[in-house]
Amino acid sequence: MPDLKSIEQLVAAYITKNFDESAEPKKYKMHGFLKNEELDEIDFLKLYAQAKTGGETFSEMLLRLIKESGEKNSAIYTRANIDRRHFSKIANHDDYKPSKLTVLAFAIALKLDFETTRDLLAVAGYALSKANLSDVIISFFIEYKIYDVDLVNQILYKYNQPLLGG
């Protein structure tokens, strides 16, 4: 694994590449407007239920991913810097709404790829954004398969960003 100084240099280059504040926001065209009657006919709950996550809650998906990893729950939540009581609350409450940083801590601890990380974030109601510096930093670690929450937190701290876990 590269040393901290090398990581800092790579993160700085990654931020420059992906975190360009001068970039123009994308503009979207509306392809016609829906009438109120047409809007009433759209079953948003049905569309939501058909989402890619297959109807899993965050808790269900997290527990499934931990099981698929072959590791013990305690190994994953410890690596994610999540305490036992917090993990127990997540595991035992299907309606638990984690913070985005908690979701990302589990993604790093589980060594998830980008697609699975996006799915885990989506089921919790979040997404990665190039407009968010901490998301760009965490994306760097996922892209380069550096799955060390402590190292991620060192870099987040250096850039005055909130830390993973908790």
N, C-alpha and C. Protein backbone atom coordinates (compact mmCIF):
# COMPACT_ATOMS: atom_id res chain seq x y z
N MET A 1 0.84 -1.17 0.00
CA MET A 1 0.00 0.00 0.00
C MET A 1 0.89 1.24 0.00
N PRO A 2 0.52 2.28 -0.76
CA PRO A 2 1.33 3.51 -0.80
C PRO A 2 1.36 4.20 0.56
N ASP A 3 2.40 5.02 0.78
CA ASP A 3 2.48 5.74 2.04
C ASP A 3 1.55 6.96 2.02
N LEU A 4 1.38 7.59 3.18
CA LEU A 4 0.44 8.70 3.33
C LEU A 4 0.77 9.84 2.38
N LYS A 5 2.04 10.17 2.22
CA LYS A 5 2.44 11.28 1.34
C LYS A 5 2.04 11.00 -0.11
N SER A 6 2.26 9.78 -0.57
CA SER A 6 1.87 9.41 -1.94
C SER A 6 0.36 9.50 -2.10
N ILE A 7 -0.37 9.03 -1.09
CA ILE A 7 -1.83 9.09 -1.13
C ILE A 7 -2.28 10.55 -1.22
N GLU A 8 -1.67 11.42 -0.40
CA GLU A 8 -2.04 12.84 -0.41
C GLU A 8 -1.85 13.43 -1.80
N GLN A 9 -0.76 13.10 -2.46
CA GLN A 9 -0.50 13.61 -3.81
C GLN A 9 -1.52 13.08 -4.81
N LEU A 10 -1.83 11.79 -4.71
CA LEU A 10 -2.82 11.20 -5.61
C LEU A 10 -4.20 11.81 -5.38
N VAL A 11 -4.57 12.02 -4.10
CA VAL A 11 -5.87 12.63 -3.79
C VAL A 11 -5.92 14.05 -4.34
N ALA A 12 -4.84 14.81 -4.20
CA ALA A 12 -4.81 16.18 -4.72
C ALA A 12 -5.03 16.19 -6.23
N ALA A 13 -4.39 15.27 -6.94
CA ALA A 13 -4.56 15.19 -8.40
C ALA A 13 -5.99 14.76 -8.74
N TYR A 14 -6.52 13.85 -7.97
CA TYR A 14 -7.89 13.36 -8.20
C TYR A 14 -8.91 14.48 -7.99
N ILE A 15 -8.68 15.28 -6.94
CA ILE A 15 -9.58 16.42 -6.66
C ILE A 15 -9.52 17.42 -7.80
N THR A 16 -8.33 17.72 -8.26
CA THR A 16 -8.18 18.66 -9.36
C THR A 16 -8.93 18.17 -10.59
N LYS A 17 -8.85 16.87 -10.84
CA LYS A 17 -9.50 16.28 -12.01
C LYS A 17 -11.02 16.26 -11.87
N ASN A 18 -11.53 16.01 -10.65
CA ASN A 18 -12.96 15.76 -10.47
C ASN A 18 -13.73 16.86 -9.75
N PHE A 19 -13.05 17.81 -9.16
CA PHE A 19 -13.73 18.80 -8.33
C PHE A 19 -13.45 20.20 -8.89
N ASP A 20 -13.99 20.44 -10.08
CA ASP A 20 -13.76 21.69 -10.77
C ASP A 20 -14.93 22.63 -10.53
N GLU A 21 -14.74 23.60 -9.61
CA GLU A 21 -15.82 24.52 -9.26
C GLU A 21 -16.20 25.44 -10.41
N SER A 22 -15.34 25.60 -11.40
CA SER A 22 -15.64 26.50 -12.51
C SER A 22 -16.47 25.83 -13.59
N ALA A 23 -16.71 24.52 -13.44
CA ALA A 23 -17.48 23.80 -14.45
C ALA A 23 -18.91 24.30 -14.51
N GLU A 24 -19.43 24.41 -15.73
CA GLU A 24 -20.81 24.85 -15.93
C GLU A 24 -21.76 23.73 -15.51
N PRO A 25 -22.83 24.08 -14.79
CA PRO A 25 -23.81 23.03 -14.49
C PRO A 25 -24.50 22.57 -15.76
N LYS A 26 -24.87 21.29 -15.80
CA LYS A 26 -25.56 20.76 -16.97
C LYS A 26 -26.96 21.34 -17.05
N LYS A 27 -27.40 21.60 -18.27
CA LYS A 27 -28.74 22.11 -18.48
C LYS A 27 -29.57 21.01 -19.11
N TYR A 28 -30.79 20.89 -18.64
CA TYR A 28 -31.68 19.85 -19.12
C TYR A 28 -32.87 20.48 -19.81
N LYS A 29 -33.29 19.88 -20.92
CA LYS A 29 -34.45 20.35 -21.66
C LYS A 29 -35.67 19.59 -21.19
N MET A 30 -36.78 20.28 -21.09
CA MET A 30 -38.05 19.63 -20.81
C MET A 30 -38.63 19.20 -22.14
N HIS A 31 -39.03 17.97 -22.25
CA HIS A 31 -39.61 17.44 -23.49
C HIS A 31 -41.13 17.47 -23.38
N GLY A 32 -41.70 18.64 -23.14
CA GLY A 32 -43.16 18.76 -22.99
C GLY A 32 -43.53 18.73 -21.53
N PHE A 33 -44.73 19.13 -21.23
CA PHE A 33 -45.20 19.18 -19.86
C PHE A 33 -46.34 18.19 -19.68
N LEU A 34 -46.40 17.61 -18.49
CA LEU A 34 -47.49 16.70 -18.18
C LEU A 34 -48.68 17.50 -17.65
N LYS A 35 -49.85 17.10 -18.02
CA LYS A 35 -51.06 17.70 -17.47
C LYS A 35 -51.29 17.10 -16.09
N ASN A 36 -52.02 17.81 -15.24
CA ASN A 36 -52.30 17.33 -13.90
C ASN A 36 -52.91 15.94 -13.91
N GLU A 37 -53.80 15.65 -14.87
CA GLU A 37 -54.44 14.34 -14.94
C GLU A 37 -53.40 13.25 -15.20
N GLU A 38 -52.42 13.56 -16.06
CA GLU A 38 -51.38 12.57 -16.36
C GLU A 38 -50.50 12.32 -15.13
N LEU A 39 -50.20 13.38 -14.40
CA LEU A 39 -49.41 13.23 -13.17
C LEU A 39 -50.14 12.35 -12.17
N ASP A 40 -51.46 12.52 -12.07
CA ASP A 40 -52.25 11.73 -11.12
C ASP A 40 -52.20 10.24 -11.46
N GLU A 41 -51.99 9.91 -12.73
CA GLU A 41 -51.98 8.52 -13.15
C GLU A 41 -50.64 7.82 -12.89
N ILE A 42 -49.62 8.57 -12.61
CA ILE A 42 -48.29 7.98 -12.35
C ILE A 42 -48.28 7.45 -10.93
N ASP A 43 -47.99 6.18 -10.78
CA ASP A 43 -47.94 5.56 -9.46
C ASP A 43 -46.49 5.61 -8.98
N PHE A 44 -46.15 6.69 -8.28
CA PHE A 44 -44.77 6.88 -7.84
C PHE A 44 -44.34 5.82 -6.84
N LEU A 45 -45.26 5.34 -6.02
CA LEU A 45 -44.92 4.28 -5.07
C LEU A 45 -44.55 3.00 -5.80
N LYS A 46 -45.27 2.71 -6.88
CA LYS A 46 -44.95 1.51 -7.67
C LYS A 46 -43.58 1.67 -8.34
N LEU A 47 -43.33 2.85 -8.88
CA LEU A 47 -42.02 3.09 -9.49
C LEU A 47 -40.91 2.95 -8.46
N TYR A 48 -41.15 3.47 -7.28
CA TYR A 48 -40.16 3.38 -6.21
C TYR A 48 -39.90 1.92 -5.84
N ALA A 49 -40.96 1.13 -5.75
CA ALA A 49 -40.82 -0.28 -5.38
C ALA A 49 -40.06 -1.08 -6.43
N GLN A 50 -40.08 -0.60 -7.68
CA GLN A 50 -39.41 -1.31 -8.76
C GLN A 50 -37.95 -0.86 -8.93
N ALA A 51 -37.48 -0.05 -8.01
CA ALA A 51 -36.11 0.46 -8.10
C ALA A 51 -35.11 -0.68 -8.10
N LYS A 52 -33.93 -0.39 -8.56
CA LYS A 52 -32.87 -1.40 -8.72
C LYS A 52 -32.56 -2.16 -7.44
N THR A 53 -32.80 -1.55 -6.31
CA THR A 53 -32.44 -2.20 -5.05
C THR A 53 -33.30 -3.40 -4.73
N GLY A 54 -34.33 -3.67 -5.52
CA GLY A 54 -35.16 -4.85 -5.32
C GLY A 54 -36.03 -4.77 -4.08
N GLY A 55 -36.26 -3.58 -3.57
CA GLY A 55 -37.13 -3.42 -2.42
C GLY A 55 -36.46 -3.65 -1.09
N GLU A 56 -35.16 -3.89 -1.07
CA GLU A 56 -34.45 -4.07 0.20
C GLU A 56 -34.38 -2.75 0.94
N THR A 57 -34.42 -2.84 2.26
CA THR A 57 -34.13 -1.67 3.07
C THR A 57 -32.61 -1.57 3.21
N PHE A 58 -32.15 -0.44 3.74
CA PHE A 58 -30.71 -0.30 3.97
C PHE A 58 -30.22 -1.42 4.88
N SER A 59 -30.94 -1.65 5.97
CA SER A 59 -30.53 -2.69 6.93
C SER A 59 -30.42 -4.05 6.26
N GLU A 60 -31.43 -4.41 5.46
CA GLU A 60 -31.42 -5.70 4.79
C GLU A 60 -30.25 -5.81 3.81
N MET A 61 -30.03 -4.76 3.04
CA MET A 61 -28.94 -4.81 2.07
C MET A 61 -27.58 -4.89 2.76
N LEU A 62 -27.41 -4.10 3.83
CA LEU A 62 -26.15 -4.13 4.56
C LEU A 62 -25.88 -5.52 5.13
N LEU A 63 -26.88 -6.11 5.78
CA LEU A 63 -26.70 -7.44 6.35
C LEU A 63 -26.43 -8.49 5.28
N ARG A 64 -27.08 -8.35 4.12
CA ARG A 64 -26.82 -9.28 3.00
C ARG A 64 -25.38 -9.14 2.52
N LEU A 65 -24.92 -7.89 2.36
CA LEU A 65 -23.54 -7.66 1.89
C LEU A 65 -22.51 -8.19 2.88
N ILE A 66 -22.79 -8.03 4.16
CA ILE A 66 -21.88 -8.56 5.18
C ILE A 66 -21.84 -10.09 5.08
N LYS A 67 -23.01 -10.70 4.96
CA LYS A 67 -23.07 -12.17 4.84
C LYS A 67 -22.30 -12.64 3.61
N GLU A 68 -22.51 -11.93 2.47
CA GLU A 68 -21.81 -12.29 1.23
C GLU A 68 -20.30 -12.13 1.35
N SER A 69 -19.86 -11.21 2.23
CA SER A 69 -18.41 -10.99 2.40
C SER A 69 -17.75 -12.17 3.11
N GLY A 70 -18.56 -12.96 3.85
CA GLY A 70 -18.01 -14.09 4.59
C GLY A 70 -17.38 -13.69 5.91
N GLU A 71 -17.43 -12.42 6.25
CA GLU A 71 -16.85 -11.95 7.50
C GLU A 71 -17.92 -11.82 8.57
N LYS A 72 -17.49 -11.74 9.80
CA LYS A 72 -18.41 -11.54 10.92
C LYS A 72 -18.89 -10.09 10.93
N ASN A 73 -20.12 -9.91 11.42
CA ASN A 73 -20.66 -8.55 11.57
C ASN A 73 -19.68 -7.67 12.33
N SER A 74 -19.14 -8.20 13.43
CA SER A 74 -18.26 -7.41 14.29
C SER A 74 -17.00 -6.95 13.56
N ALA A 75 -16.48 -7.77 12.67
CA ALA A 75 -15.28 -7.38 11.91
C ALA A 75 -15.59 -6.20 11.00
N ILE A 76 -16.77 -6.23 10.37
CA ILE A 76 -17.15 -5.15 9.45
C ILE A 76 -17.44 -3.87 10.20
N TYR A 77 -18.29 -3.92 11.24
CA TYR A 77 -18.63 -2.66 11.91
C TYR A 77 -17.44 -2.08 12.66
N THR A 78 -16.53 -2.93 13.13
CA THR A 78 -15.31 -2.41 13.77
C THR A 78 -14.44 -1.70 12.74
N ARG A 79 -14.27 -2.33 11.57
CA ARG A 79 -13.46 -1.72 10.51
C ARG A 79 -14.08 -0.41 10.02
N ALA A 80 -15.41 -0.30 10.11
CA ALA A 80 -16.12 0.90 9.68
C ALA A 80 -16.14 1.99 10.76
N ASN A 81 -15.53 1.72 11.90
CA ASN A 81 -15.55 2.65 13.04
C ASN A 81 -16.97 2.90 13.56
N ILE A 82 -17.79 1.86 13.54
CA ILE A 82 -19.15 1.93 14.05
C ILE A 82 -19.18 1.08 15.33
N ASP A 83 -19.75 1.62 16.41
CA ASP A 83 -19.78 0.82 17.64
C ASP A 83 -20.91 -0.20 17.61
N ARG A 84 -20.82 -1.16 18.52
CA ARG A 84 -21.75 -2.29 18.55
C ARG A 84 -23.20 -1.85 18.72
N ARG A 85 -23.45 -0.87 19.58
CA ARG A 85 -24.84 -0.40 19.80
C ARG A 85 -25.41 0.24 18.55
N HIS A 86 -24.60 1.04 17.86
CA HIS A 86 -25.05 1.68 16.62
C HIS A 86 -25.37 0.61 15.57
N PHE A 87 -24.48 -0.37 15.44
CA PHE A 87 -24.71 -1.44 14.47
C PHE A 87 -25.98 -2.22 14.83
N SER A 88 -26.18 -2.48 16.10
CA SER A 88 -27.37 -3.21 16.54
C SER A 88 -28.64 -2.45 16.17
N LYS A 89 -28.61 -1.14 16.32
CA LYS A 89 -29.77 -0.32 15.94
C LYS A 89 -30.03 -0.42 14.44
N ILE A 90 -28.96 -0.38 13.65
CA ILE A 90 -29.10 -0.51 12.19
C ILE A 90 -29.66 -1.89 11.83
N ALA A 91 -29.10 -2.93 12.42
CA ALA A 91 -29.46 -4.31 12.07
C ALA A 91 -30.88 -4.68 12.50
N ASN A 92 -31.36 -4.07 13.56
CA ASN A 92 -32.65 -4.47 14.12
C ASN A 92 -33.81 -3.54 13.78
N HIS A 93 -33.56 -2.50 13.01
CA HIS A 93 -34.62 -1.57 12.66
C HIS A 93 -34.62 -1.35 11.14
N ASP A 94 -35.57 -2.00 10.46
CA ASP A 94 -35.63 -1.88 9.00
C ASP A 94 -35.83 -0.45 8.53
N ASP A 95 -36.42 0.39 9.38
CA ASP A 95 -36.68 1.77 8.99
C ASP A 95 -35.55 2.72 9.39
N TYR A 96 -34.43 2.16 9.85
CA TYR A 96 -33.30 3.00 10.28
C TYR A 96 -32.77 3.82 9.11
N LYS A 97 -32.56 5.11 9.33
CA LYS A 97 -32.04 6.02 8.30
C LYS A 97 -30.62 6.41 8.69
N PRO A 98 -29.62 5.77 8.08
CA PRO A 98 -28.22 6.08 8.42
C PRO A 98 -27.79 7.41 7.82
N SER A 99 -26.73 7.96 8.36
CA SER A 99 -26.13 9.15 7.73
C SER A 99 -25.37 8.68 6.49
N LYS A 100 -25.12 9.58 5.59
CA LYS A 100 -24.37 9.25 4.37
C LYS A 100 -22.96 8.76 4.74
N LEU A 101 -22.36 9.39 5.75
CA LEU A 101 -21.01 8.99 6.15
C LEU A 101 -20.98 7.59 6.75
N THR A 102 -22.05 7.19 7.43
CA THR A 102 -22.14 5.83 7.95
C THR A 102 -22.22 4.83 6.80
N VAL A 103 -23.03 5.15 5.79
CA VAL A 103 -23.15 4.28 4.62
C VAL A 103 -21.79 4.14 3.94
N LEU A 104 -21.10 5.25 3.76
CA LEU A 104 -19.79 5.21 3.10
C LEU A 104 -18.74 4.47 3.94
N ALA A 105 -18.83 4.58 5.26
CA ALA A 105 -17.92 3.84 6.12
C ALA A 105 -18.11 2.33 5.93
N PHE A 106 -19.37 1.90 5.82
CA PHE A 106 -19.63 0.48 5.57
C PHE A 106 -19.16 0.08 4.18
N ALA A 107 -19.33 0.96 3.19
CA ALA A 107 -18.87 0.65 1.83
C ALA A 107 -17.37 0.41 1.81
N ILE A 108 -16.62 1.25 2.51
CA ILE A 108 -15.16 1.09 2.58
C ILE A 108 -14.83 -0.19 3.37
N ALA A 109 -15.48 -0.39 4.50
CA ALA A 109 -15.20 -1.57 5.34
C ALA A 109 -15.51 -2.87 4.60
N LEU A 110 -16.54 -2.85 3.75
CA LEU A 110 -16.92 -4.04 2.98
C LEU A 110 -16.13 -4.17 1.67
N LYS A 111 -15.31 -3.16 1.37
CA LYS A 111 -14.49 -3.16 0.15
C LYS A 111 -15.37 -3.25 -1.10
N LEU A 112 -16.42 -2.43 -1.11
CA LEU A 112 -17.37 -2.46 -2.22
C LEU A 112 -16.82 -1.72 -3.44
N ASP A 113 -17.22 -2.19 -4.62
CA ASP A 113 -16.88 -1.47 -5.85
C ASP A 113 -17.84 -0.29 -6.01
N PHE A 114 -17.64 0.52 -7.05
CA PHE A 114 -18.47 1.71 -7.26
C PHE A 114 -19.95 1.38 -7.42
N GLU A 115 -20.25 0.37 -8.23
CA GLU A 115 -21.65 0.06 -8.50
C GLU A 115 -22.39 -0.36 -7.22
N THR A 116 -21.78 -1.21 -6.45
CA THR A 116 -22.41 -1.67 -5.22
C THR A 116 -22.48 -0.55 -4.19
N THR A 117 -21.44 0.30 -4.15
CA THR A 117 -21.47 1.46 -3.26
C THR A 117 -22.64 2.37 -3.63
N ARG A 118 -22.81 2.63 -4.93
CA ARG A 118 -23.93 3.46 -5.38
C ARG A 118 -25.27 2.84 -5.00
N ASP A 119 -25.38 1.52 -5.12
CA ASP A 119 -26.62 0.84 -4.75
C ASP A 119 -26.90 0.97 -3.25
N LEU A 120 -25.86 0.79 -2.44
CA LEU A 120 -26.02 0.90 -0.99
C LEU A 120 -26.41 2.33 -0.61
N LEU A 121 -25.77 3.31 -1.23
CA LEU A 121 -26.13 4.71 -0.99
C LEU A 121 -27.57 4.98 -1.41
N ALA A 122 -27.96 4.47 -2.58
CA ALA A 122 -29.30 4.72 -3.12
C ALA A 122 -30.39 4.17 -2.21
N VAL A 123 -30.18 2.97 -1.69
CA VAL A 123 -31.20 2.37 -0.83
C VAL A 123 -31.35 3.17 0.47
N ALA A 124 -30.32 3.92 0.84
CA ALA A 124 -30.38 4.78 2.03
C ALA A 124 -30.83 6.19 1.67
N GLY A 125 -30.98 6.47 0.36
CA GLY A 125 -31.46 7.78 -0.07
C GLY A 125 -30.37 8.78 -0.41
N TYR A 126 -29.17 8.29 -0.71
CA TYR A 126 -28.03 9.17 -0.99
C TYR A 126 -27.40 8.84 -2.34
N ALA A 127 -26.48 9.70 -2.76
CA ALA A 127 -25.70 9.48 -3.98
C ALA A 127 -24.34 10.16 -3.81
N LEU A 128 -23.36 9.70 -4.57
CA LEU A 128 -22.07 10.38 -4.61
C LEU A 128 -22.18 11.56 -5.57
N SER A 129 -21.49 12.64 -5.24
CA SER A 129 -21.56 13.83 -6.08
C SER A 129 -20.16 14.42 -6.29
N LYS A 130 -19.89 14.81 -7.52
CA LYS A 130 -18.62 15.48 -7.81
C LYS A 130 -18.60 16.90 -7.25
N ALA A 131 -19.74 17.38 -6.80
CA ALA A 131 -19.84 18.72 -6.22
C ALA A 131 -19.57 18.70 -4.71
N ASN A 132 -19.26 17.53 -4.16
CA ASN A 132 -19.03 17.40 -2.73
C ASN A 132 -17.60 16.88 -2.54
N LEU A 133 -16.76 17.68 -1.91
CA LEU A 133 -15.35 17.32 -1.77
C LEU A 133 -15.16 16.00 -1.04
N SER A 134 -15.89 15.76 0.02
CA SER A 134 -15.70 14.48 0.73
C SER A 134 -16.10 13.31 -0.16
N ASP A 135 -17.13 13.47 -1.00
CA ASP A 135 -17.51 12.40 -1.93
C ASP A 135 -16.39 12.14 -2.94
N VAL A 136 -15.75 13.18 -3.40
CA VAL A 136 -14.65 13.02 -4.36
C VAL A 136 -13.49 12.29 -3.71
N ILE A 137 -13.18 12.65 -2.47
CA ILE A 137 -12.08 11.99 -1.76
C ILE A 137 -12.40 10.51 -1.56
N ILE A 138 -13.61 10.22 -1.11
CA ILE A 138 -13.99 8.83 -0.86
C ILE A 138 -14.04 8.06 -2.18
N SER A 139 -14.50 8.70 -3.25
CA SER A 139 -14.51 8.06 -4.57
C SER A 139 -13.10 7.66 -4.99
N PHE A 140 -12.14 8.52 -4.69
CA PHE A 140 -10.74 8.21 -4.99
C PHE A 140 -10.34 6.88 -4.35
N PHE A 141 -10.64 6.74 -3.06
CA PHE A 141 -10.25 5.53 -2.34
C PHE A 141 -10.94 4.29 -2.91
N ILE A 142 -12.21 4.43 -3.28
CA ILE A 142 -12.93 3.29 -3.86
C ILE A 142 -12.35 2.95 -5.23
N GLU A 143 -12.10 3.97 -6.05
CA GLU A 143 -11.56 3.73 -7.39
C GLU A 143 -10.20 3.05 -7.33
N TYR A 144 -9.37 3.45 -6.38
CA TYR A 144 -8.03 2.87 -6.27
C TYR A 144 -7.98 1.68 -5.31
N LYS A 145 -9.16 1.22 -4.87
CA LYS A 145 -9.28 0.03 -4.01
C LYS A 145 -8.41 0.12 -2.76
N ILE A 146 -8.43 1.29 -2.14
CA ILE A 146 -7.74 1.49 -0.86
C ILE A 146 -8.84 1.54 0.19
N TYR A 147 -9.03 0.40 0.85
CA TYR A 147 -10.17 0.23 1.75
C TYR A 147 -9.75 0.30 3.22
N ASP A 148 -9.22 1.43 3.62
CA ASP A 148 -8.76 1.64 4.98
C ASP A 148 -9.45 2.90 5.52
N VAL A 149 -10.45 2.71 6.39
CA VAL A 149 -11.24 3.83 6.89
C VAL A 149 -10.36 4.84 7.62
N ASP A 150 -9.36 4.35 8.36
CA ASP A 150 -8.48 5.28 9.08
C ASP A 150 -7.70 6.16 8.11
N LEU A 151 -7.22 5.59 7.03
CA LEU A 151 -6.49 6.37 6.03
C LEU A 151 -7.44 7.36 5.33
N VAL A 152 -8.64 6.92 5.00
CA VAL A 152 -9.64 7.81 4.41
C VAL A 152 -9.89 8.98 5.35
N ASN A 153 -10.07 8.68 6.64
CA ASN A 153 -10.33 9.73 7.61
C ASN A 153 -9.17 10.71 7.76
N GLN A 154 -7.94 10.22 7.64
CA GLN A 154 -6.78 11.12 7.70
C GLN A 154 -6.84 12.15 6.57
N ILE A 155 -7.19 11.69 5.38
CA ILE A 155 -7.27 12.60 4.23
C ILE A 155 -8.48 13.53 4.38
N LEU A 156 -9.61 12.98 4.81
CA LEU A 156 -10.79 13.83 5.03
C LEU A 156 -10.47 14.92 6.06
N TYR A 157 -9.79 14.56 7.13
CA TYR A 157 -9.41 15.51 8.16
C TYR A 157 -8.50 16.60 7.59
N LYS A 158 -7.55 16.19 6.77
CA LYS A 158 -6.63 17.16 6.16
C LYS A 158 -7.37 18.22 5.35
N TYR A 159 -8.49 17.83 4.73
CA TYR A 159 -9.28 18.76 3.91
C TYR A 159 -10.49 19.31 4.68
N ASN A 160 -10.45 19.19 6.01
CA ASN A 160 -11.51 19.72 6.87
C ASN A 160 -12.90 19.20 6.50
N GLN A 161 -12.97 17.91 6.19
CA GLN A 161 -14.23 17.27 5.85
C GLN A 161 -14.68 16.38 7.01
N PRO A 162 -15.98 16.12 7.11
CA PRO A 162 -16.45 15.22 8.18
C PRO A 162 -15.89 13.81 7.98
N LEU A 163 -15.67 13.13 9.08
CA LEU A 163 -15.03 11.82 9.07
C LEU A 163 -16.05 10.68 8.97
N LEU A 164 -15.58 9.55 8.45
CA LEU A 164 -16.42 8.35 8.33
C LEU A 164 -16.57 7.67 9.68
N GLY A 165 -17.66 6.93 9.82
CA GLY A 165 -17.90 6.15 11.03
C GLY A 165 -18.67 6.95 12.05
N GLY A 166 -18.68 6.42 13.25
CA GLY A 166 -19.31 7.18 14.33
C GLY A 166 -20.57 6.62 14.74
